C-alpha cells in the first residue's frame, strides 16, 4: 500500500487544452521543474487570491 500523506488529494479534474496551451505548460514545467498539477494548483491559488479584481459579469463574447 502507498504511504499515508498529511494532505491527501482525492479529487481528479481533467481538462482539454490546445496544442499551443500544452506547449506553454511544457515550457513552464521545464523552467520551474514543477509538474502540471503543481502549476495548475498555483494558477488556482493565484486566481482565487485575485478573483475580486476580475469582473465576473463581463465575459468576452
Protein backbone atom coordinates (compact mmCIF):
# COMPACT_ATOMS: atom_id res chain seq x y z
CA UNK A 1 0.00 0.00 0.00
CA UNK A 2 1.13 3.59 -0.60
CA UNK A 3 2.41 5.86 2.10
CA UNK A 4 -0.02 7.97 4.10
CA UNK A 5 0.06 11.65 3.24
CA UNK A 6 -0.66 14.56 5.51
CA UNK A 7 -2.97 16.24 2.97
CA UNK A 8 -4.21 13.54 0.61
CA UNK A 9 -5.78 14.64 -2.67
CA UNK A 10 -8.73 12.54 -3.78
CA UNK A 11 -10.31 14.70 -6.45
CA UNK A 12 -9.24 14.43 -10.06
CA UNK A 13 -10.13 17.17 -12.52
CA UNK A 14 -9.28 16.77 -16.18
CA UNK A 15 -9.46 19.30 -18.97
CA UNK A 16 -8.71 19.54 -22.65
CA UNK A 17 -6.13 22.03 -23.89
CA UNK A 18 -4.94 23.01 -27.34
CA UNK A 19 -1.51 22.07 -28.64
CA UNK A 20 -0.39 25.67 -28.06
CA UNK A 21 -1.63 25.63 -24.45
CA UNK A 22 0.14 22.31 -23.87
CA UNK A 23 3.38 23.78 -25.26
CA UNK A 24 3.06 26.73 -22.88
CA UNK A 25 2.58 24.34 -19.96
CA UNK A 26 5.58 22.25 -21.01
CA UNK A 27 7.73 25.39 -21.21
CA UNK A 28 6.65 26.38 -17.70
CA UNK A 29 7.34 22.83 -16.49
CA UNK A 30 10.89 22.94 -17.89
CA UNK A 31 11.62 26.39 -16.44
CA UNK A 32 10.18 25.69 -12.99
CA UNK A 33 10.85 21.95 -12.65
CA UNK A 34 7.23 21.57 -11.47
CA UNK A 35 4.52 19.16 -12.54
CA UNK A 36 1.44 20.25 -14.45
CA UNK A 37 -0.59 19.54 -11.30
CA UNK A 38 1.61 21.87 -9.23
CA UNK A 39 1.42 24.59 -11.89
CA UNK A 40 -2.37 24.29 -12.07
CA UNK A 41 -2.66 24.41 -8.26
CA UNK A 42 -0.62 27.62 -8.24
CA UNK A 43 -2.83 29.04 -11.00
CA UNK A 44 -5.94 28.26 -8.94
CA UNK A 45 -4.38 29.87 -5.85
CA UNK A 46 -3.44 32.96 -7.88
CA UNK A 47 -6.91 33.27 -9.40
CA UNK A 48 -8.58 32.76 -6.02
CA UNK A 49 -6.39 35.42 -4.39
CA UNK A 50 -7.11 37.89 -7.20
CA UNK A 51 -10.71 36.97 -8.01
CA UNK A 52 -12.10 40.24 -6.69
CA UNK A 53 -10.11 42.12 -9.35
CA UNK A 54 -11.97 40.29 -12.09
CA UNK A 55 -15.49 41.31 -13.09
CA UNK A 56 -17.46 38.07 -13.38
CA UNK A 57 -20.28 39.93 -15.18
CA UNK A 58 -18.07 40.96 -18.13
CA UNK A 59 -17.44 37.86 -20.22
CA UNK A 60 -15.92 38.09 -23.66
CA UNK A 61 -18.39 37.02 -26.32
